[in-house]
Amino acid sequence: AKGLAGRTRPFVHNTALTVDERLALSEADPQDAYQSFYSGHSAAA
C-alpha cells in the first residue's frame, strides 16, 4: 500500500519547519517520506 500510494508524510508539508529542516528529515531516508499511507505502526499495533 505504501509503495502504490506514494503519499508524502505530514512533516514535509509542515511550514512551521524550515525548508532545510524538512529536507534534512526527508534525506535521512528518502523513500520513507513517501510512505505515509497507511500507518504501519497503527496496523501492527
ModelCIF file with pLDDT and N, C-alpha, C, O atoms, coordinates in Angstrom:
data_MODEL
#
_entry.id   MODEL 
#
_entity.id                         1 
_entity.type                       polymer 
_entity.pdbx_number_of_molecules   1 
#
_entity_poly.entity_id                      1 
_entity_poly.type                           'polypeptide(L)' 
_entity_poly.nstd_linkage                   no 
_entity_poly.nstd_monomer                   no 
_entity_poly.pdbx_seq_one_letter_code       AKGLAGRTRPFVHNTALTVDERLALSEADPQDAYQSFYSGHSAAA 
_entity_poly.pdbx_seq_one_letter_code_can   AKGLAGRTRPFVHNTALTVDERLALSEADPQDAYQSFYSGHSAAA 
_entity_poly.pdbx_strand_id                 A 
#
loop_
_entity_poly_seq.entity_id 
_entity_poly_seq.num 
_entity_poly_seq.mon_id 
_entity_poly_seq.hetero 
1 1  ALA n 
1 2  LYS n 
1 3  GLY n 
1 4  LEU n 
1 5  ALA n 
1 6  GLY n 
1 7  ARG n 
1 8  THR n 
1 9  ARG n 
1 10 PRO n 
1 11 PHE n 
1 12 VAL n 
1 13 HIS n 
1 14 ASN n 
1 15 THR n 
1 16 ALA n 
1 17 LEU n 
1 18 THR n 
1 19 VAL n 
1 20 ASP n 
1 21 GLU n 
1 22 ARG n 
1 23 LEU n 
1 24 ALA n 
1 25 LEU n 
1 26 SER n 
1 27 GLU n 
1 28 ALA n 
1 29 ASP n 
1 30 PRO n 
1 31 GLN n 
1 32 ASP n 
1 33 ALA n 
1 34 TYR n 
1 35 GLN n 
1 36 SER n 
1 37 PHE n 
1 38 TYR n 
1 39 SER n 
1 40 GLY n 
1 41 HIS n 
1 42 SER n 
1 43 ALA n 
1 44 ALA n 
1 45 ALA n 
#
_struct_asym.id          A 
_struct_asym.entity_id   1 
#
loop_
_ma_qa_metric.id 
_ma_qa_metric.mode 
_ma_qa_metric.name 
_ma_qa_metric.software_group_id 
_ma_qa_metric.type 
1 global pLDDT . pLDDT 
2 local  pLDDT . pLDDT 
#
_ma_qa_metric_global.metric_id      1 
_ma_qa_metric_global.metric_value   94.71 
_ma_qa_metric_global.model_id       1 
_ma_qa_metric_global.ordinal_id     1 
#
loop_
_ma_qa_metric_local.label_asym_id 
_ma_qa_metric_local.label_comp_id 
_ma_qa_metric_local.label_seq_id 
_ma_qa_metric_local.metric_id 
_ma_qa_metric_local.metric_value 
_ma_qa_metric_local.model_id 
_ma_qa_metric_local.ordinal_id 
A ALA 1  2 95.00 1 1  
A LYS 2  2 94.00 1 2  
A GLY 3  2 92.00 1 3  
A LEU 4  2 93.00 1 4  
A ALA 5  2 94.00 1 5  
A GLY 6  2 93.00 1 6  
A ARG 7  2 96.00 1 7  
A THR 8  2 96.00 1 8  
A ARG 9  2 97.00 1 9  
A PRO 10 2 97.00 1 10 
A PHE 11 2 96.00 1 11 
A VAL 12 2 96.00 1 12 
A HIS 13 2 97.00 1 13 
A ASN 14 2 97.00 1 14 
A THR 15 2 96.00 1 15 
A ALA 16 2 96.00 1 16 
A LEU 17 2 96.00 1 17 
A THR 18 2 96.00 1 18 
A VAL 19 2 97.00 1 19 
A ASP 20 2 96.00 1 20 
A GLU 21 2 96.00 1 21 
A ARG 22 2 96.00 1 22 
A LEU 23 2 95.00 1 23 
A ALA 24 2 95.00 1 24 
A LEU 25 2 94.00 1 25 
A SER 26 2 93.00 1 26 
A GLU 27 2 92.00 1 27 
A ALA 28 2 90.00 1 28 
A ASP 29 2 88.00 1 29 
A PRO 30 2 87.00 1 30 
A GLN 31 2 88.00 1 31 
A ASP 32 2 90.00 1 32 
A ALA 33 2 93.00 1 33 
A TYR 34 2 93.00 1 34 
A GLN 35 2 94.00 1 35 
A SER 36 2 96.00 1 36 
A PHE 37 2 96.00 1 37 
A TYR 38 2 95.00 1 38 
A SER 39 2 97.00 1 39 
A GLY 40 2 96.00 1 40 
A HIS 41 2 97.00 1 41 
A SER 42 2 98.00 1 42 
A ALA 43 2 98.00 1 43 
A ALA 44 2 97.00 1 44 
A ALA 45 2 98.00 1 45 
#
loop_
_atom_site.group_PDB 
_atom_site.id 
_atom_site.type_symbol 
_atom_site.label_atom_id 
_atom_site.label_alt_id 
_atom_site.label_comp_id 
_atom_site.label_asym_id 
_atom_site.label_entity_id 
_atom_site.label_seq_id 
_atom_site.pdbx_PDB_ins_code 
_atom_site.Cartn_x 
_atom_site.Cartn_y 
_atom_site.Cartn_z 
_atom_site.occupancy 
_atom_site.B_iso_or_equiv 
_atom_site.pdbx_formal_charge 
_atom_site.auth_seq_id 
_atom_site.auth_comp_id 
_atom_site.auth_asym_id 
_atom_site.auth_atom_id 
_atom_site.pdbx_PDB_model_num 
ATOM 1   N N  . ALA A 1 1  ? 0.829  -1.209 0.000  1.00 95.00 ? 1  ALA A N  1 
ATOM 2   C CA . ALA A 1 1  ? 0.000  0.000  0.000  1.00 95.00 ? 1  ALA A CA 1 
ATOM 3   C C  . ALA A 1 1  ? 0.862  1.257  0.000  1.00 95.00 ? 1  ALA A C  1 
ATOM 4   O O  . ALA A 1 1  ? 0.571  2.206  -0.727 1.00 95.00 ? 1  ALA A O  1 
ATOM 5   N N  . LYS A 1 2  ? 1.919  1.270  0.809  1.00 94.00 ? 2  LYS A N  1 
ATOM 6   C CA . LYS A 1 2  ? 2.789  2.439  0.859  1.00 94.00 ? 2  LYS A CA 1 
ATOM 7   C C  . LYS A 1 2  ? 3.419  2.724  -0.505 1.00 94.00 ? 2  LYS A C  1 
ATOM 8   O O  . LYS A 1 2  ? 3.475  3.869  -0.953 1.00 94.00 ? 2  LYS A O  1 
ATOM 9   N N  . GLY A 1 3  ? 3.892  1.654  -1.154 1.00 92.00 ? 3  GLY A N  1 
ATOM 10  C CA . GLY A 1 3  ? 4.548  1.833  -2.438 1.00 92.00 ? 3  GLY A CA 1 
ATOM 11  C C  . GLY A 1 3  ? 3.600  2.287  -3.525 1.00 92.00 ? 3  GLY A C  1 
ATOM 12  O O  . GLY A 1 3  ? 3.955  3.122  -4.356 1.00 92.00 ? 3  GLY A O  1 
ATOM 13  N N  . LEU A 1 4  ? 2.389  1.740  -3.525 1.00 93.00 ? 4  LEU A N  1 
ATOM 14  C CA . LEU A 1 4  ? 1.421  2.096  -4.560 1.00 93.00 ? 4  LEU A CA 1 
ATOM 15  C C  . LEU A 1 4  ? 0.836  3.489  -4.333 1.00 93.00 ? 4  LEU A C  1 
ATOM 16  O O  . LEU A 1 4  ? 0.596  4.227  -5.288 1.00 93.00 ? 4  LEU A O  1 
ATOM 17  N N  . ALA A 1 5  ? 0.605  3.851  -3.061 1.00 94.00 ? 5  ALA A N  1 
ATOM 18  C CA . ALA A 1 5  ? 0.014  5.159  -2.768 1.00 94.00 ? 5  ALA A CA 1 
ATOM 19  C C  . ALA A 1 5  ? 1.031  6.280  -2.938 1.00 94.00 ? 5  ALA A C  1 
ATOM 20  O O  . ALA A 1 5  ? 0.713  7.326  -3.504 1.00 94.00 ? 5  ALA A O  1 
ATOM 21  N N  . GLY A 1 6  ? 2.255  6.069  -2.448 1.00 93.00 ? 6  GLY A N  1 
ATOM 22  C CA . GLY A 1 6  ? 3.290  7.094  -2.557 1.00 93.00 ? 6  GLY A CA 1 
ATOM 23  C C  . GLY A 1 6  ? 2.901  8.413  -1.901 1.00 93.00 ? 6  GLY A C  1 
ATOM 24  O O  . GLY A 1 6  ? 3.238  9.481  -2.411 1.00 93.00 ? 6  GLY A O  1 
ATOM 25  N N  . ARG A 1 7  ? 2.200  8.348  -0.785 1.00 96.00 ? 7  ARG A N  1 
ATOM 26  C CA . ARG A 1 7  ? 1.712  9.563  -0.129 1.00 96.00 ? 7  ARG A CA 1 
ATOM 27  C C  . ARG A 1 7  ? 2.800  10.178 0.737  1.00 96.00 ? 7  ARG A C  1 
ATOM 28  O O  . ARG A 1 7  ? 3.422  9.487  1.544  1.00 96.00 ? 7  ARG A O  1 
ATOM 29  N N  . THR A 1 8  ? 3.029  11.476 0.570  1.00 96.00 ? 8  THR A N  1 
ATOM 30  C CA . THR A 1 8  ? 4.047  12.146 1.376  1.00 96.00 ? 8  THR A CA 1 
ATOM 31  C C  . THR A 1 8  ? 3.578  12.323 2.816  1.00 96.00 ? 8  THR A C  1 
ATOM 32  O O  . THR A 1 8  ? 2.395  12.540 3.078  1.00 96.00 ? 8  THR A O  1 
ATOM 33  N N  . ARG A 1 9  ? 4.518  12.227 3.733  1.00 97.00 ? 9  ARG A N  1 
ATOM 34  C CA . ARG A 1 9  ? 4.190  12.319 5.152  1.00 97.00 ? 9  ARG A CA 1 
ATOM 35  C C  . ARG A 1 9  ? 3.866  13.763 5.541  1.00 97.00 ? 9  ARG A C  1 
ATOM 36  O O  . ARG A 1 9  ? 4.268  14.704 4.857  1.00 97.00 ? 9  ARG A O  1 
ATOM 37  N N  . PRO A 1 10 ? 3.139  13.923 6.637  1.00 97.00 ? 10 PRO A N  1 
ATOM 38  C CA . PRO A 1 10 ? 2.747  15.283 7.053  1.00 97.00 ? 10 PRO A CA 1 
ATOM 39  C C  . PRO A 1 10 ? 3.916  16.230 7.270  1.00 97.00 ? 10 PRO A C  1 
ATOM 40  O O  . PRO A 1 10 ? 3.797  17.419 6.976  1.00 97.00 ? 10 PRO A O  1 
ATOM 41  N N  . PHE A 1 11 ? 5.051  15.734 7.779  1.00 96.00 ? 11 PHE A N  1 
ATOM 42  C CA . PHE A 1 11 ? 6.113  16.665 8.141  1.00 96.00 ? 11 PHE A CA 1 
ATOM 43  C C  . PHE A 1 11 ? 6.690  17.403 6.940  1.00 96.00 ? 11 PHE A C  1 
ATOM 44  O O  . PHE A 1 11 ? 7.222  18.503 7.094  1.00 96.00 ? 11 PHE A O  1 
ATOM 45  N N  . VAL A 1 12 ? 6.595  16.818 5.738  1.00 96.00 ? 12 VAL A N  1 
ATOM 46  C CA . VAL A 1 12 ? 7.140  17.539 4.583  1.00 96.00 ? 12 VAL A CA 1 
ATOM 47  C C  . VAL A 1 12 ? 6.216  18.671 4.142  1.00 96.00 ? 12 VAL A C  1 
ATOM 48  O O  . VAL A 1 12 ? 6.619  19.517 3.344  1.00 96.00 ? 12 VAL A O  1 
ATOM 49  N N  . HIS A 1 13 ? 4.990  18.699 4.644  1.00 97.00 ? 13 HIS A N  1 
ATOM 50  C CA . HIS A 1 13 ? 4.053  19.787 4.365  1.00 97.00 ? 13 HIS A CA 1 
ATOM 51  C C  . HIS A 1 13 ? 4.025  20.820 5.493  1.00 97.00 ? 13 HIS A C  1 
ATOM 52  O O  . HIS A 1 13 ? 3.301  21.812 5.412  1.00 97.00 ? 13 HIS A O  1 
ATOM 53  N N  . ASN A 1 14 ? 4.804  20.588 6.529  1.00 97.00 ? 14 ASN A N  1 
ATOM 54  C CA . ASN A 1 14 ? 4.726  21.399 7.745  1.00 97.00 ? 14 ASN A CA 1 
ATOM 55  C C  . ASN A 1 14 ? 5.556  22.676 7.582  1.00 97.00 ? 14 ASN A C  1 
ATOM 56  O O  . ASN A 1 14 ? 6.780  22.648 7.704  1.00 97.00 ? 14 ASN A O  1 
ATOM 57  N N  . THR A 1 15 ? 4.889  23.778 7.310  1.00 96.00 ? 15 THR A N  1 
ATOM 58  C CA . THR A 1 15 ? 5.601  25.035 7.087  1.00 96.00 ? 15 THR A CA 1 
ATOM 59  C C  . THR A 1 15 ? 6.099  25.676 8.381  1.00 96.00 ? 15 THR A C  1 
ATOM 60  O O  . THR A 1 15 ? 6.778  26.703 8.342  1.00 96.00 ? 15 THR A O  1 
ATOM 61  N N  . ALA A 1 16 ? 5.765  25.072 9.541  1.00 96.00 ? 16 ALA A N  1 
ATOM 62  C CA . ALA A 1 16 ? 6.376  25.529 10.788 1.00 96.00 ? 16 ALA A CA 1 
ATOM 63  C C  . ALA A 1 16 ? 7.840  25.112 10.865 1.00 96.00 ? 16 ALA A C  1 
ATOM 64  O O  . ALA A 1 16 ? 8.615  25.674 11.639 1.00 96.00 ? 16 ALA A O  1 
ATOM 65  N N  . LEU A 1 17 ? 8.211  24.126 10.060 1.00 96.00 ? 17 LEU A N  1 
ATOM 66  C CA . LEU A 1 17 ? 9.609  23.725 9.912  1.00 96.00 ? 17 LEU A CA 1 
ATOM 67  C C  . LEU A 1 17 ? 10.192 24.453 8.707  1.00 96.00 ? 17 LEU A C  1 
ATOM 68  O O  . LEU A 1 17 ? 9.488  24.713 7.731  1.00 96.00 ? 17 LEU A O  1 
ATOM 69  N N  . THR A 1 18 ? 11.464 24.776 8.778  1.00 96.00 ? 18 THR A N  1 
ATOM 70  C CA . THR A 1 18 ? 12.099 25.415 7.634  1.00 96.00 ? 18 THR A CA 1 
ATOM 71  C C  . THR A 1 18 ? 12.262 24.410 6.506  1.00 96.00 ? 18 THR A C  1 
ATOM 72  O O  . THR A 1 18 ? 12.188 23.200 6.719  1.00 96.00 ? 18 THR A O  1 
ATOM 73  N N  . VAL A 1 19 ? 12.485 24.925 5.307  1.00 97.00 ? 19 VAL A N  1 
ATOM 74  C CA . VAL A 1 19 ? 12.716 24.036 4.166  1.00 97.00 ? 19 VAL A CA 1 
ATOM 75  C C  . VAL A 1 19 ? 13.939 23.172 4.422  1.00 97.00 ? 19 VAL A C  1 
ATOM 76  O O  . VAL A 1 19 ? 13.941 21.991 4.072  1.00 97.00 ? 19 VAL A O  1 
ATOM 77  N N  . ASP A 1 20 ? 14.980 23.737 5.025  1.00 96.00 ? 20 ASP A N  1 
ATOM 78  C CA . ASP A 1 20 ? 16.188 22.961 5.321  1.00 96.00 ? 20 ASP A CA 1 
ATOM 79  C C  . ASP A 1 20 ? 15.890 21.843 6.318  1.00 96.00 ? 20 ASP A C  1 
ATOM 80  O O  . ASP A 1 20 ? 16.407 20.735 6.175  1.00 96.00 ? 20 ASP A O  1 
ATOM 81  N N  . GLU A 1 21 ? 15.061 22.122 7.326  1.00 96.00 ? 21 GLU A N  1 
ATOM 82  C CA . GLU A 1 21 ? 14.704 21.086 8.302  1.00 96.00 ? 21 GLU A CA 1 
ATOM 83  C C  . GLU A 1 21 ? 13.906 19.966 7.642  1.00 96.00 ? 21 GLU A C  1 
ATOM 84  O O  . GLU A 1 21 ? 14.170 18.786 7.875  1.00 96.00 ? 21 GLU A O  1 
ATOM 85  N N  . ARG A 1 22 ? 12.941 20.336 6.828  1.00 96.00 ? 22 ARG A N  1 
ATOM 86  C CA . ARG A 1 22 ? 12.150 19.314 6.141  1.00 96.00 ? 22 ARG A CA 1 
ATOM 87  C C  . ARG A 1 22 ? 13.001 18.516 5.168  1.00 96.00 ? 22 ARG A C  1 
ATOM 88  O O  . ARG A 1 22 ? 12.826 17.304 5.040  1.00 96.00 ? 22 ARG A O  1 
ATOM 89  N N  . LEU A 1 23 ? 13.917 19.180 4.485  1.00 95.00 ? 23 LEU A N  1 
ATOM 90  C CA . LEU A 1 23 ? 14.799 18.478 3.556  1.00 95.00 ? 23 LEU A CA 1 
ATOM 91  C C  . LEU A 1 23 ? 15.702 17.506 4.302  1.00 95.00 ? 23 LEU A C  1 
ATOM 92  O O  . LEU A 1 23 ? 15.913 16.382 3.847  1.00 95.00 ? 23 LEU A O  1 
ATOM 93  N N  . ALA A 1 24 ? 16.239 17.930 5.452  1.00 95.00 ? 24 ALA A N  1 
ATOM 94  C CA . ALA A 1 24 ? 17.113 17.043 6.230  1.00 95.00 ? 24 ALA A CA 1 
ATOM 95  C C  . ALA A 1 24 ? 16.347 15.816 6.711  1.00 95.00 ? 24 ALA A C  1 
ATOM 96  O O  . ALA A 1 24 ? 16.867 14.702 6.651  1.00 95.00 ? 24 ALA A O  1 
ATOM 97  N N  . LEU A 1 25 ? 15.115 16.008 7.188  1.00 94.00 ? 25 LEU A N  1 
ATOM 98  C CA . LEU A 1 25 ? 14.295 14.879 7.633  1.00 94.00 ? 25 LEU A CA 1 
ATOM 99  C C  . LEU A 1 25 ? 13.989 13.935 6.484  1.00 94.00 ? 25 LEU A C  1 
ATOM 100 O O  . LEU A 1 25 ? 13.999 12.715 6.647  1.00 94.00 ? 25 LEU A O  1 
ATOM 101 N N  . SER A 1 26 ? 13.719 14.505 5.329  1.00 93.00 ? 26 SER A N  1 
ATOM 102 C CA . SER A 1 26 ? 13.423 13.685 4.160  1.00 93.00 ? 26 SER A CA 1 
ATOM 103 C C  . SER A 1 26 ? 14.642 12.916 3.693  1.00 93.00 ? 26 SER A C  1 
ATOM 104 O O  . SER A 1 26 ? 14.534 11.752 3.308  1.00 93.00 ? 26 SER A O  1 
ATOM 105 N N  . GLU A 1 27 ? 15.808 13.561 3.723  1.00 92.00 ? 27 GLU A N  1 
ATOM 106 C CA . GLU A 1 27 ? 17.026 12.920 3.223  1.00 92.00 ? 27 GLU A CA 1 
ATOM 107 C C  . GLU A 1 27 ? 17.534 11.823 4.149  1.00 92.00 ? 27 GLU A C  1 
ATOM 108 O O  . GLU A 1 27 ? 18.331 10.986 3.727  1.00 92.00 ? 27 GLU A O  1 
ATOM 109 N N  . ALA A 1 28 ? 17.088 11.810 5.406  1.00 90.00 ? 28 ALA A N  1 
ATOM 110 C CA . ALA A 1 28 ? 17.507 10.745 6.319  1.00 90.00 ? 28 ALA A CA 1 
ATOM 111 C C  . ALA A 1 28 ? 17.118 9.381  5.764  1.00 90.00 ? 28 ALA A C  1 
ATOM 112 O O  . ALA A 1 28 ? 17.854 8.409  5.939  1.00 90.00 ? 28 ALA A O  1 
ATOM 113 N N  . ASP A 1 29 ? 15.986 9.299  5.107  1.00 88.00 ? 29 ASP A N  1 
ATOM 114 C CA . ASP A 1 29 ? 15.560 8.107  4.359  1.00 88.00 ? 29 ASP A CA 1 
ATOM 115 C C  . ASP A 1 29 ? 14.627 8.597  3.264  1.00 88.00 ? 29 ASP A C  1 
ATOM 116 O O  . ASP A 1 29 ? 13.431 8.762  3.502  1.00 88.00 ? 29 ASP A O  1 
ATOM 117 N N  . PRO A 1 30 ? 15.158 8.833  2.061  1.00 87.00 ? 30 PRO A N  1 
ATOM 118 C CA . PRO A 1 30 ? 14.361 9.467  1.007  1.00 87.00 ? 30 PRO A CA 1 
ATOM 119 C C  . PRO A 1 30 ? 13.063 8.743  0.677  1.00 87.00 ? 30 PRO A C  1 
ATOM 120 O O  . PRO A 1 30 ? 12.069 9.389  0.347  1.00 87.00 ? 30 PRO A O  1 
ATOM 121 N N  . GLN A 1 31 ? 13.051 7.416  0.759  1.00 88.00 ? 31 GLN A N  1 
ATOM 122 C CA . GLN A 1 31 ? 11.837 6.684  0.429  1.00 88.00 ? 31 GLN A CA 1 
ATOM 123 C C  . GLN A 1 31 ? 10.772 6.811  1.520  1.00 88.00 ? 31 GLN A C  1 
ATOM 124 O O  . GLN A 1 31 ? 9.576  6.776  1.233  1.00 88.00 ? 31 GLN A O  1 
ATOM 125 N N  . ASP A 1 32 ? 11.208 6.957  2.751  1.00 90.00 ? 32 ASP A N  1 
ATOM 126 C CA . ASP A 1 32 ? 10.262 6.998  3.859  1.00 90.00 ? 32 ASP A CA 1 
ATOM 127 C C  . ASP A 1 32 ? 9.345  8.208  3.781  1.00 90.00 ? 32 ASP A C  1 
ATOM 128 O O  . ASP A 1 32 ? 8.214  8.156  4.265  1.00 90.00 ? 32 ASP A O  1 
ATOM 129 N N  . ALA A 1 33 ? 9.803  9.277  3.192  1.00 93.00 ? 33 ALA A N  1 
ATOM 130 C CA . ALA A 1 33 ? 8.981  10.471 3.074  1.00 93.00 ? 33 ALA A CA 1 
ATOM 131 C C  . ALA A 1 33 ? 7.727  10.222 2.250  1.00 93.00 ? 33 ALA A C  1 
ATOM 132 O O  . ALA A 1 33 ? 6.754  10.969 2.356  1.00 93.00 ? 33 ALA A O  1 
ATOM 133 N N  . TYR A 1 34 ? 7.744  9.166  1.420  1.00 93.00 ? 34 TYR A N  1 
ATOM 134 C CA . TYR A 1 34 ? 6.603  8.828  0.569  1.00 93.00 ? 34 TYR A CA 1 
ATOM 135 C C  . TYR A 1 34 ? 5.717  7.734  1.173  1.00 93.00 ? 34 TYR A C  1 
ATOM 136 O O  . TYR A 1 34 ? 4.788  7.268  0.513  1.00 93.00 ? 34 TYR A O  1 
ATOM 137 N N  . GLN A 1 35 ? 5.983  7.325  2.388  1.00 94.00 ? 35 GLN A N  1 
ATOM 138 C CA . GLN A 1 35 ? 5.333  6.125  2.916  1.00 94.00 ? 35 GLN A CA 1 
ATOM 139 C C  . GLN A 1 35 ? 4.336  6.440  4.035  1.00 94.00 ? 35 GLN A C  1 
ATOM 140 O O  . GLN A 1 35 ? 4.321  5.777  5.072  1.00 94.00 ? 35 GLN A O  1 
ATOM 141 N N  . SER A 1 36 ? 3.520  7.445  3.812  1.00 96.00 ? 36 SER A N  1 
ATOM 142 C CA . SER A 1 36 ? 2.555  7.827  4.839  1.00 96.00 ? 36 SER A CA 1 
ATOM 143 C C  . SER A 1 36 ? 1.345  6.894  4.871  1.00 96.00 ? 36 SER A C  1 
ATOM 144 O O  . SER A 1 36 ? 0.847  6.563  5.947  1.00 96.00 ? 36 SER A O  1 
ATOM 145 N N  . PHE A 1 37 ? 0.870  6.471  3.704  1.00 96.00 ? 37 PHE A N  1 
ATOM 146 C CA . PHE A 1 37 ? -0.359 5.679  3.654  1.00 96.00 ? 37 PHE A CA 1 
ATOM 147 C C  . PHE A 1 37 ? -0.039 4.214  3.406  1.00 96.00 ? 37 PHE A C  1 
ATOM 148 O O  . PHE A 1 37 ? 0.637  3.877  2.434  1.00 96.00 ? 37 PHE A O  1 
ATOM 149 N N  . TYR A 1 38 ? -0.524 3.341  4.288  1.00 95.00 ? 38 TYR A N  1 
ATOM 150 C CA . TYR A 1 38 ? -1.156 3.679  5.558  1.00 95.00 ? 38 TYR A CA 1 
ATOM 151 C C  . TYR A 1 38 ? -0.162 3.444  6.684  1.00 95.00 ? 38 TYR A C  1 
ATOM 152 O O  . TYR A 1 38 ? 0.970  3.034  6.428  1.00 95.00 ? 38 TYR A O  1 
ATOM 153 N N  . SER A 1 39 ? -0.561 3.695  7.915  1.00 97.00 ? 39 SER A N  1 
ATOM 154 C CA . SER A 1 39 ? 0.372  3.622  9.036  1.00 97.00 ? 39 SER A CA 1 
ATOM 155 C C  . SER A 1 39 ? 0.730  2.189  9.402  1.00 97.00 ? 39 SER A C  1 
ATOM 156 O O  . SER A 1 39 ? -0.133 1.404  9.795  1.00 97.00 ? 39 SER A O  1 
ATOM 157 N N  . GLY A 1 40 ? 2.009  1.858  9.271  1.00 96.00 ? 40 GLY A N  1 
ATOM 158 C CA . GLY A 1 40 ? 2.470  0.532  9.670  1.00 96.00 ? 40 GLY A CA 1 
ATOM 159 C C  . GLY A 1 40 ? 2.437  0.336  11.173 1.00 96.00 ? 40 GLY A C  1 
ATOM 160 O O  . GLY A 1 40 ? 2.133  -0.754 11.656 1.00 96.00 ? 40 GLY A O  1 
ATOM 161 N N  . HIS A 1 41 ? 2.753  1.401  11.921 1.00 97.00 ? 41 HIS A N  1 
ATOM 162 C CA . HIS A 1 41 ? 2.664  1.304  13.384 1.00 97.00 ? 41 HIS A CA 1 
ATOM 163 C C  . HIS A 1 41 ? 1.240  0.986  13.823 1.00 97.00 ? 41 HIS A C  1 
ATOM 164 O O  . HIS A 1 41 ? 1.014  0.099  14.647 1.00 97.00 ? 41 HIS A O  1 
ATOM 165 N N  . SER A 1 42 ? 0.280  1.724  13.260 1.00 98.00 ? 42 SER A N  1 
ATOM 166 C CA . SER A 1 42 ? -1.118 1.514  13.626 1.00 98.00 ? 42 SER A CA 1 
ATOM 167 C C  . SER A 1 42 ? -1.579 0.109  13.237 1.00 98.00 ? 42 SER A C  1 
ATOM 168 O O  . SER A 1 42 ? -2.239 -0.573 14.020 1.00 98.00 ? 42 SER A O  1 
ATOM 169 N N  . ALA A 1 43 ? -1.226 -0.317 12.021 1.00 98.00 ? 43 ALA A N  1 
ATOM 170 C CA . ALA A 1 43 ? -1.622 -1.653 11.572 1.00 98.00 ? 43 ALA A CA 1 
ATOM 171 C C  . ALA A 1 43 ? -1.023 -2.727 12.460 1.00 98.00 ? 43 ALA A C  1 
ATOM 172 O O  . ALA A 1 43 ? -1.715 -3.664 12.859 1.00 98.00 ? 43 ALA A O  1 
ATOM 173 N N  . ALA A 1 44 ? 0.270  -2.596 12.775 1.00 97.00 ? 44 ALA A N  1 
ATOM 174 C CA . ALA A 1 44 ? 0.929  -3.595 13.611 1.00 97.00 ? 44 ALA A CA 1 
ATOM 175 C C  . ALA A 1 44 ? 0.330  -3.617 15.011 1.00 97.00 ? 44 ALA A C  1 
ATOM 176 O O  . ALA A 1 44 ? 0.104  -4.686 15.580 1.00 97.00 ? 44 ALA A O  1 
ATOM 177 N N  . ALA A 1 45 ? 0.073  -2.429 15.567 1.00 98.00 ? 45 ALA A N  1 
ATOM 178 C CA . ALA A 1 45 ? -0.455 -2.355 16.925 1.00 98.00 ? 45 ALA A CA 1 
ATOM 179 C C  . ALA A 1 45 ? -1.822 -3.023 17.029 1.00 98.00 ? 45 ALA A C  1 
ATOM 180 O O  . ALA A 1 45 ? -2.415 -3.053 18.108 1.00 98.00 ? 45 ALA A O  1 
#
